[in-house]
Structure formats: structure tokens, C-alpha cells
Amino acid sequence: MATKTDKLNEQGEKLVSIRLPLTKEEKDAVYVRVNERTWLIPRGQTVEVPECVVEVLDHAETAMLESMKYQSAHEKNS
């Protein structure tokens, strides 16, 4: 999903190439905000973003997986 590059942006941050999957269920671009900066990342295209954006996306995925595990365990106990 993410490939580090040797490029830096204006703020001196390392850039990472990412490509968010385009699926039947998920077609919309993904909005990411870090402090006062925002990105709208299109699905199905390779784009370069700062490492902090990848970190936010990773945390969001981890939170979603934990939520799904919790819901699944809760449904089994009901």
C-alpha cells in the first residue's frame, strides 16, 4: 500500500507513495486532516503524501478492525 520515496515536501517531510483501493463499496476519495492541513486522497490512483497521512490512515484501519472484532464478539455473546 505505501512506498517510501526520497522526495521531501515544502515542510521537509518525507513523502510516501500510496494507492487506496477502489472497490464497489468504496469509491469516494478519503479525507485526511493532520493539524491544520488537509488532503483529499482519490481511490484507485497513486499519490504522494507525507508520512503523517499514512500514519493517520493506518490508525483508522486499526480502529476499524478493532471495532469489527468487538462487534463480532458482542454478537456471539447475545
PDB file of N, CA and C in Angstrom:
ATOM      1  N   MET A   1       0.812  -1.184   0.000  1.00  0.00           N
ATOM      2  CA  MET A   1       0.000   0.000   0.000  1.00  0.00           C
ATOM      3  C   MET A   1       0.860   1.253   0.000  1.00  0.00           C
ATOM      4  N   ALA A   2       1.911   1.314   0.805  1.00  0.00           N
ATOM      5  CA  ALA A   2       2.720   2.520   0.902  1.00  0.00           C
ATOM      6  C   ALA A   2       4.156   2.215   0.503  1.00  0.00           C
ATOM      7  N   THR A   3       4.752   3.133  -0.265  1.00  0.00           N
ATOM      8  CA  THR A   3       6.136   3.012  -0.684  1.00  0.00           C
ATOM      9  C   THR A   3       6.850   4.309  -0.370  1.00  0.00           C
ATOM     10  N   LYS A   4       7.882   4.254   0.460  1.00  0.00           N
ATOM     11  CA  LYS A   4       8.628   5.461   0.800  1.00  0.00           C
ATOM     12  C   LYS A   4       9.407   5.949  -0.411  1.00  0.00           C
ATOM     13  N   THR A   5       9.504   7.266  -0.538  1.00  0.00           N
ATOM     14  CA  THR A   5      10.283   7.876  -1.604  1.00  0.00           C
ATOM     15  C   THR A   5      11.390   8.713  -0.970  1.00  0.00           C
ATOM     16  N   ASP A   6      12.306   9.192  -1.786  1.00  0.00           N
ATOM     17  CA  ASP A   6      13.371  10.066  -1.290  1.00  0.00           C
ATOM     18  C   ASP A   6      12.975  11.531  -1.397  1.00  0.00           C
ATOM     19  N   LYS A   7      11.757  11.795  -1.815  1.00  0.00           N
ATOM     20  CA  LYS A   7      11.296  13.166  -2.010  1.00  0.00           C
ATOM     21  C   LYS A   7      10.861  13.779  -0.693  1.00  0.00           C
ATOM     22  N   LEU A   8      10.986  15.112  -0.620  1.00  0.00           N
ATOM     23  CA  LEU A   8      10.523  15.877   0.529  1.00  0.00           C
ATOM     24  C   LEU A   8       9.535  16.933   0.045  1.00  0.00           C
ATOM     25  N   ASN A   9       8.576  17.286   0.890  1.00  0.00           N
ATOM     26  CA  ASN A   9       7.655  18.362   0.530  1.00  0.00           C
ATOM     27  C   ASN A   9       8.211  19.700   1.016  1.00  0.00           C
ATOM     28  N   GLU A  10       7.417  20.760   0.896  1.00  0.00           N
ATOM     29  CA  GLU A  10       7.868  22.101   1.272  1.00  0.00           C
ATOM     30  C   GLU A  10       8.238  22.202   2.748  1.00  0.00           C
ATOM     31  N   GLN A  11       7.591  21.404   3.594  1.00  0.00           N
ATOM     32  CA  GLN A  11       7.848  21.422   5.031  1.00  0.00           C
ATOM     33  C   GLN A  11       9.022  20.516   5.420  1.00  0.00           C
ATOM     34  N   GLY A  12       9.652  19.876   4.454  1.00  0.00           N
ATOM     35  CA  GLY A  12      10.779  18.990   4.731  1.00  0.00           C
ATOM     36  C   GLY A  12      10.386  17.604   5.182  1.00  0.00           C
ATOM     37  N   GLU A  13       9.111  17.240   4.991  1.00  0.00           N
ATOM     38  CA  GLU A  13       8.635  15.913   5.394  1.00  0.00           C
ATOM     39  C   GLU A  13       8.877  14.914   4.262  1.00  0.00           C
ATOM     40  N   LYS A  14       9.209  13.684   4.652  1.00  0.00           N
ATOM     41  CA  LYS A  14       9.363  12.628   3.656  1.00  0.00           C
ATOM     42  C   LYS A  14       8.006  12.300   3.058  1.00  0.00           C
ATOM     43  N   LEU A  15       7.993  12.050   1.757  1.00  0.00           N
ATOM     44  CA  LEU A  15       6.760  11.689   1.071  1.00  0.00           C
ATOM     45  C   LEU A  15       6.693  10.184   0.863  1.00  0.00           C
ATOM     46  N   VAL A  16       5.483   9.676   0.835  1.00  0.00           N
ATOM     47  CA  VAL A  16       5.221   8.256   0.655  1.00  0.00           C
ATOM     48  C   VAL A  16       4.221   8.111  -0.481  1.00  0.00           C
ATOM     49  N   SER A  17       4.466   7.172  -1.388  1.00  0.00           N
ATOM     50  CA  SER A  17       3.510   6.874  -2.455  1.00  0.00           C
ATOM     51  C   SER A  17       2.497   5.870  -1.936  1.00  0.00           C
ATOM     52  N   ILE A  18       1.219   6.193  -2.077  1.00  0.00           N
ATOM     53  CA  ILE A  18       0.166   5.279  -1.647  1.00  0.00           C
ATOM     54  C   ILE A  18      -0.887   5.162  -2.737  1.00  0.00           C
ATOM     55  N   ARG A  19      -1.616   4.074  -2.682  1.00  0.00           N
ATOM     56  CA  ARG A  19      -2.753   3.859  -3.584  1.00  0.00           C
ATOM     57  C   ARG A  19      -3.849   3.212  -2.759  1.00  0.00           C
ATOM     58  N   LEU A  20      -4.939   3.946  -2.563  1.00  0.00           N
ATOM     59  CA  LEU A  20      -6.078   3.408  -1.831  1.00  0.00           C
ATOM     60  C   LEU A  20      -6.933   2.599  -2.797  1.00  0.00           C
ATOM     61  N   PRO A  21      -7.368   1.408  -2.388  1.00  0.00           N
ATOM     62  CA  PRO A  21      -8.128   0.549  -3.300  1.00  0.00           C
ATOM     63  C   PRO A  21      -9.488   1.146  -3.669  1.00  0.00           C
ATOM     64  N   LEU A  22      -9.864   0.938  -4.892  1.00  0.00           N
ATOM     65  CA  LEU A  22     -11.171   1.323  -5.399  1.00  0.00           C
ATOM     66  C   LEU A  22     -12.004   0.052  -5.458  1.00  0.00           C
ATOM     67  N   THR A  23     -13.119   0.029  -4.730  1.00  0.00           N
ATOM     68  CA  THR A  23     -13.977  -1.156  -4.694  1.00  0.00           C
ATOM     69  C   THR A  23     -15.403  -0.768  -5.064  1.00  0.00           C
ATOM     70  N   LYS A  24     -16.246  -1.763  -5.218  1.00  0.00           N
ATOM     71  CA  LYS A  24     -17.652  -1.482  -5.499  1.00  0.00           C
ATOM     72  C   LYS A  24     -18.296  -0.708  -4.359  1.00  0.00           C
ATOM     73  N   GLU A  25     -17.896  -1.042  -3.128  1.00  0.00           N
ATOM     74  CA  GLU A  25     -18.491  -0.413  -1.953  1.00  0.00           C
ATOM     75  C   GLU A  25     -17.855   0.943  -1.630  1.00  0.00           C
ATOM     76  N   GLU A  26     -16.581   1.074  -1.912  1.00  0.00           N
ATOM     77  CA  GLU A  26     -15.855   2.291  -1.546  1.00  0.00           C
ATOM     78  C   GLU A  26     -15.266   2.945  -2.791  1.00  0.00           C
ATOM     79  N   LYS A  27     -15.917   4.015  -3.233  1.00  0.00           N
ATOM     80  CA  LYS A  27     -15.484   4.728  -4.431  1.00  0.00           C
ATOM     81  C   LYS A  27     -15.064   6.152  -4.137  1.00  0.00           C
ATOM     82  N   ASP A  28     -15.503   6.679  -2.998  1.00  0.00           N
ATOM     83  CA  ASP A  28     -15.246   8.076  -2.669  1.00  0.00           C
ATOM     84  C   ASP A  28     -13.805   8.289  -2.237  1.00  0.00           C
ATOM     85  N   ALA A  29     -13.321   9.492  -2.480  1.00  0.00           N
ATOM     86  CA  ALA A  29     -11.998   9.880  -2.017  1.00  0.00           C
ATOM     87  C   ALA A  29     -11.999   9.903  -0.487  1.00  0.00           C
ATOM     88  N   VAL A  30     -10.819   9.798   0.100  1.00  0.00           N
ATOM     89  CA  VAL A  30     -10.675   9.760   1.556  1.00  0.00           C
ATOM     90  C   VAL A  30     -10.110  11.097   2.033  1.00  0.00           C
ATOM     91  N   TYR A  31     -10.813  11.704   2.968  1.00  0.00           N
ATOM     92  CA  TYR A  31     -10.406  12.978   3.548  1.00  0.00           C
ATOM     93  C   TYR A  31      -9.530  12.720   4.769  1.00  0.00           C
ATOM     94  N   VAL A  32      -8.373  13.359   4.810  1.00  0.00           N
ATOM     95  CA  VAL A  32      -7.461  13.227   5.947  1.00  0.00           C
ATOM     96  C   VAL A  32      -7.073  14.625   6.410  1.00  0.00           C
ATOM     97  N   ARG A  33      -7.106  14.825   7.728  1.00  0.00           N
ATOM     98  CA  ARG A  33      -6.699  16.111   8.303  1.00  0.00           C
ATOM     99  C   ARG A  33      -5.659  15.849   9.376  1.00  0.00           C
ATOM    100  N   VAL A  34      -4.554  16.549   9.287  1.00  0.00           N
ATOM    101  CA  VAL A  34      -3.497  16.489  10.292  1.00  0.00           C
ATOM    102  C   VAL A  34      -3.188  17.927  10.678  1.00  0.00           C
ATOM    103  N   ASN A  35      -3.486  18.263  11.923  1.00  0.00           N
ATOM    104  CA  ASN A  35      -3.356  19.623  12.421  1.00  0.00           C
ATOM    105  C   ASN A  35      -4.158  20.570  11.526  1.00  0.00           C
ATOM    106  N   GLU A  36      -3.547  21.515  10.889  1.00  0.00           N
ATOM    107  CA  GLU A  36      -4.284  22.481  10.059  1.00  0.00           C
ATOM    108  C   GLU A  36      -4.234  22.144   8.571  1.00  0.00           C
ATOM    109  N   ARG A  37      -3.688  20.989   8.227  1.00  0.00           N
ATOM    110  CA  ARG A  37      -3.550  20.624   6.811  1.00  0.00           C
ATOM    111  C   ARG A  37      -4.534  19.517   6.458  1.00  0.00           C
ATOM    112  N   THR A  38      -5.021  19.547   5.224  1.00  0.00           N
ATOM    113  CA  THR A  38      -5.993  18.546   4.779  1.00  0.00           C
ATOM    114  C   THR A  38      -5.576  17.968   3.425  1.00  0.00           C
ATOM    115  N   TRP A  39      -6.012  16.733   3.198  1.00  0.00           N
ATOM    116  CA  TRP A  39      -5.791  16.046   1.934  1.00  0.00           C
ATOM    117  C   TRP A  39      -7.072  15.330   1.557  1.00  0.00           C
ATOM    118  N   LEU A  40      -7.379  15.299   0.273  1.00  0.00           N
ATOM    119  CA  LEU A  40      -8.480  14.514  -0.260  1.00  0.00           C
ATOM    120  C   LEU A  40      -7.833  13.505  -1.205  1.00  0.00           C
ATOM    121  N   ILE A  41      -7.737  12.267  -0.755  1.00  0.00           N
ATOM    122  CA  ILE A  41      -6.977  11.242  -1.467  1.00  0.00           C
ATOM    123  C   ILE A  41      -7.918  10.412  -2.330  1.00  0.00           C
ATOM    124  N   PRO A  42      -7.740  10.480  -3.653  1.00  0.00           N
ATOM    125  CA  PRO A  42      -8.616   9.707  -4.538  1.00  0.00           C
ATOM    126  C   PRO A  42      -8.302   8.214  -4.458  1.00  0.00           C
ATOM    127  N   ARG A  43      -9.323   7.413  -4.612  1.00  0.00           N
ATOM    128  CA  ARG A  43      -9.142   5.962  -4.644  1.00  0.00           C
ATOM    129  C   ARG A  43      -8.739   5.535  -6.058  1.00  0.00           C
ATOM    130  N   GLY A  44      -7.909   4.496  -6.129  1.00  0.00           N
ATOM    131  CA  GLY A  44      -7.521   3.938  -7.418  1.00  0.00           C
ATOM    132  C   GLY A  44      -6.416   4.695  -8.125  1.00  0.00           C
ATOM    133  N   GLN A  45      -5.822   5.681  -7.480  1.00  0.00           N
ATOM    134  CA  GLN A  45      -4.724   6.441  -8.076  1.00  0.00           C
ATOM    135  C   GLN A  45      -3.543   6.465  -7.113  1.00  0.00           C
ATOM    136  N   THR A  46      -2.345   6.405  -7.650  1.00  0.00           N
ATOM    137  CA  THR A  46      -1.155   6.513  -6.816  1.00  0.00           C
ATOM    138  C   THR A  46      -0.856   7.988  -6.589  1.00  0.00           C
ATOM    139  N   VAL A  47      -0.711   8.359  -5.329  1.00  0.00           N
ATOM    140  CA  VAL A  47      -0.416   9.749  -4.969  1.00  0.00           C
ATOM    141  C   VAL A  47       0.697   9.759  -3.926  1.00  0.00           C
ATOM    142  N   GLU A  48       1.395  10.888  -3.826  1.00  0.00           N
ATOM    143  CA  GLU A  48       2.426  11.057  -2.816  1.00  0.00           C
ATOM    144  C   GLU A  48       1.894  11.945  -1.705  1.00  0.00           C
ATOM    145  N   VAL A  49       2.033  11.472  -0.483  1.00  0.00           N
ATOM    146  CA  VAL A  49       1.561  12.197   0.700  1.00  0.00           C
ATOM    147  C   VAL A  49       2.646  12.128   1.774  1.00  0.00           C
ATOM    148  N   PRO A  50       2.622  13.048   2.736  1.00  0.00           N
ATOM    149  CA  PRO A  50       3.575  12.971   3.843  1.00  0.00           C
ATOM    150  C   PRO A  50       3.332  11.721   4.696  1.00  0.00           C
ATOM    151  N   GLU A  51       4.366  11.289   5.394  1.00  0.00           N
ATOM    152  CA  GLU A  51       4.269  10.098   6.239  1.00  0.00           C
ATOM    153  C   GLU A  51       3.170  10.215   7.281  1.00  0.00           C
ATOM    154  N   CYS A  52       2.893  11.432   7.754  1.00  0.00           N
ATOM    155  CA  CYS A  52       1.858  11.598   8.784  1.00  0.00           C
ATOM    156  C   CYS A  52       0.482  11.189   8.258  1.00  0.00           C
ATOM    157  N   VAL A  53       0.245  11.342   6.967  1.00  0.00           N
ATOM    158  CA  VAL A  53      -1.039  10.942   6.377  1.00  0.00           C
ATOM    159  C   VAL A  53      -1.162   9.420   6.401  1.00  0.00           C
ATOM    160  N   VAL A  54      -0.091   8.739   6.075  1.00  0.00           N
ATOM    161  CA  VAL A  54      -0.093   7.274   6.107  1.00  0.00           C
ATOM    162  C   VAL A  54      -0.330   6.789   7.533  1.00  0.00           C
ATOM    163  N   GLU A  55       0.262   7.465   8.505  1.00  0.00           N
ATOM    164  CA  GLU A  55       0.065   7.094   9.900  1.00  0.00           C
ATOM    165  C   GLU A  55      -1.407   7.229  10.305  1.00  0.00           C
ATOM    166  N   VAL A  56      -2.053   8.309   9.891  1.00  0.00           N
ATOM    167  CA  VAL A  56      -3.475   8.507  10.197  1.00  0.00           C
ATOM    168  C   VAL A  56      -4.311   7.406   9.546  1.00  0.00           C
ATOM    169  N   LEU A  57      -4.031   7.084   8.295  1.00  0.00           N
ATOM    170  CA  LEU A  57      -4.775   6.025   7.597  1.00  0.00           C
ATOM    171  C   LEU A  57      -4.566   4.669   8.273  1.00  0.00           C
ATOM    172  N   ASP A  58      -3.338   4.397   8.715  1.00  0.00           N
ATOM    173  CA  ASP A  58      -3.060   3.136   9.421  1.00  0.00           C
ATOM    174  C   ASP A  58      -3.834   3.060  10.735  1.00  0.00           C
ATOM    175  N   HIS A  59      -3.862   4.158  11.480  1.00  0.00           N
ATOM    176  CA  HIS A  59      -4.602   4.173  12.750  1.00  0.00           C
ATOM    177  C   HIS A  59      -6.105   3.989  12.509  1.00  0.00           C
ATOM    178  N   ALA A  60      -6.618   4.604  11.452  1.00  0.00           N
ATOM    179  CA  ALA A  60      -8.045   4.455  11.137  1.00  0.00           C
ATOM    180  C   ALA A  60      -8.370   3.003  10.801  1.00  0.00           C
ATOM    181  N   GLU A  61      -7.493   2.346  10.053  1.00  0.00           N
ATOM    182  CA  GLU A  61      -7.721   0.940   9.708  1.00  0.00           C
ATOM    183  C   GLU A  61      -7.668   0.056  10.950  1.00  0.00           C
ATOM    184  N   THR A  62      -6.706   0.313  11.824  1.00  0.00           N
ATOM    185  CA  THR A  62      -6.596  -0.446  13.064  1.00  0.00           C
ATOM    186  C   THR A  62      -7.849  -0.274  13.916  1.00  0.00           C
ATOM    187  N   ALA A  63      -8.331   0.949  14.023  1.00  0.00           N
ATOM    188  CA  ALA A  63      -9.543   1.212  14.808  1.00  0.00           C
ATOM    189  C   ALA A  63     -10.746   0.495  14.208  1.00  0.00           C
ATOM    190  N   MET A  64     -10.854   0.476  12.891  1.00  0.00           N
ATOM    191  CA  MET A  64     -11.965  -0.209  12.226  1.00  0.00           C
ATOM    192  C   MET A  64     -11.907  -1.706  12.500  1.00  0.00           C
ATOM    193  N   LEU A  65     -10.719  -2.294  12.414  1.00  0.00           N
ATOM    194  CA  LEU A  65     -10.577  -3.730  12.683  1.00  0.00           C
ATOM    195  C   LEU A  65     -10.943  -4.061  14.123  1.00  0.00           C
ATOM    196  N   GLU A  66     -10.505  -3.234  15.065  1.00  0.00           N
ATOM    197  CA  GLU A  66     -10.843  -3.462  16.473  1.00  0.00           C
ATOM    198  C   GLU A  66     -12.347  -3.343  16.694  1.00  0.00           C
ATOM    199  N   SER A  67     -12.966  -2.393  16.035  1.00  0.00           N
ATOM    200  CA  SER A  67     -14.408  -2.218  16.144  1.00  0.00           C
ATOM    201  C   SER A  67     -15.151  -3.443  15.604  1.00  0.00           C
ATOM    202  N   MET A  68     -14.689  -3.966  14.481  1.00  0.00           N
ATOM    203  CA  MET A  68     -15.323  -5.142  13.895  1.00  0.00           C
ATOM    204  C   MET A  68     -15.172  -6.359  14.797  1.00  0.00           C
ATOM    205  N   LYS A  69     -13.991  -6.504  15.418  1.00  0.00           N
ATOM    206  CA  LYS A  69     -13.770  -7.618  16.353  1.00  0.00           C
ATOM    207  C   LYS A  69     -14.707  -7.501  17.556  1.00  0.00           C
ATOM    208  N   TYR A  70     -14.833  -6.292  18.074  1.00  0.00           N
ATOM    209  CA  TYR A  70     -15.693  -6.064  19.230  1.00  0.00           C
ATOM    210  C   TYR A  70     -17.142  -6.380  18.893  1.00  0.00           C
ATOM    211  N   GLN A  71     -17.609  -5.893  17.739  1.00  0.00           N
ATOM    212  CA  GLN A  71     -18.990  -6.141  17.330  1.00  0.00           C
ATOM    213  C   GLN A  71     -19.244  -7.628  17.137  1.00  0.00           C
ATOM    214  N   SER A  72     -18.286  -8.307  16.517  1.00  0.00           N
ATOM    215  CA  SER A  72     -18.430  -9.741  16.287  1.00  0.00           C
ATOM    216  C   SER A  72     -18.503 -10.500  17.608  1.00  0.00           C
ATOM    217  N   ALA A  73     -17.650 -10.166  18.550  1.00  0.00           N
ATOM    218  CA  ALA A  73     -17.662 -10.832  19.855  1.00  0.00           C
ATOM    219  C   ALA A  73     -18.952 -10.527  20.597  1.00  0.00           C
ATOM    220  N   HIS A  74     -19.436  -9.304  20.488  1.00  0.00           N
ATOM    221  CA  HIS A  74     -20.661  -8.909  21.168  1.00  0.00           C
ATOM    222  C   HIS A  74     -21.874  -9.660  20.583  1.00  0.00           C
ATOM    223  N   GLU A  75     -21.892  -9.831  19.263  1.00  0.00           N
ATOM    224  CA  GLU A  75     -22.997 -10.544  18.620  1.00  0.00           C
ATOM    225  C   GLU A  75     -23.008 -12.021  19.024  1.00  0.00           C
ATOM    226  N   LYS A  76     -21.848 -12.627  19.191  1.00  0.00           N
ATOM    227  CA  LYS A  76     -21.763 -14.019  19.600  1.00  0.00           C
ATOM    228  C   LYS A  76     -22.261 -14.229  21.023  1.00  0.00           C
ATOM    229  N   ASN A  77     -22.068 -13.221  21.874  1.00  0.00           N
ATOM    230  CA  ASN A  77     -22.467 -13.321  23.277  1.00  0.00           C
ATOM    231  C   ASN A  77     -23.946 -13.002  23.472  1.00  0.00           C
ATOM    232  N   SER A  78     -24.605 -12.505  22.453  1.00  0.00           N
ATOM    233  CA  SER A  78     -26.033 -12.116  22.591  1.00  0.00           C
ATOM    234  C   SER A  78     -26.951 -13.281  22.362  1.00  0.00           C
TER     235      SER A  78
END
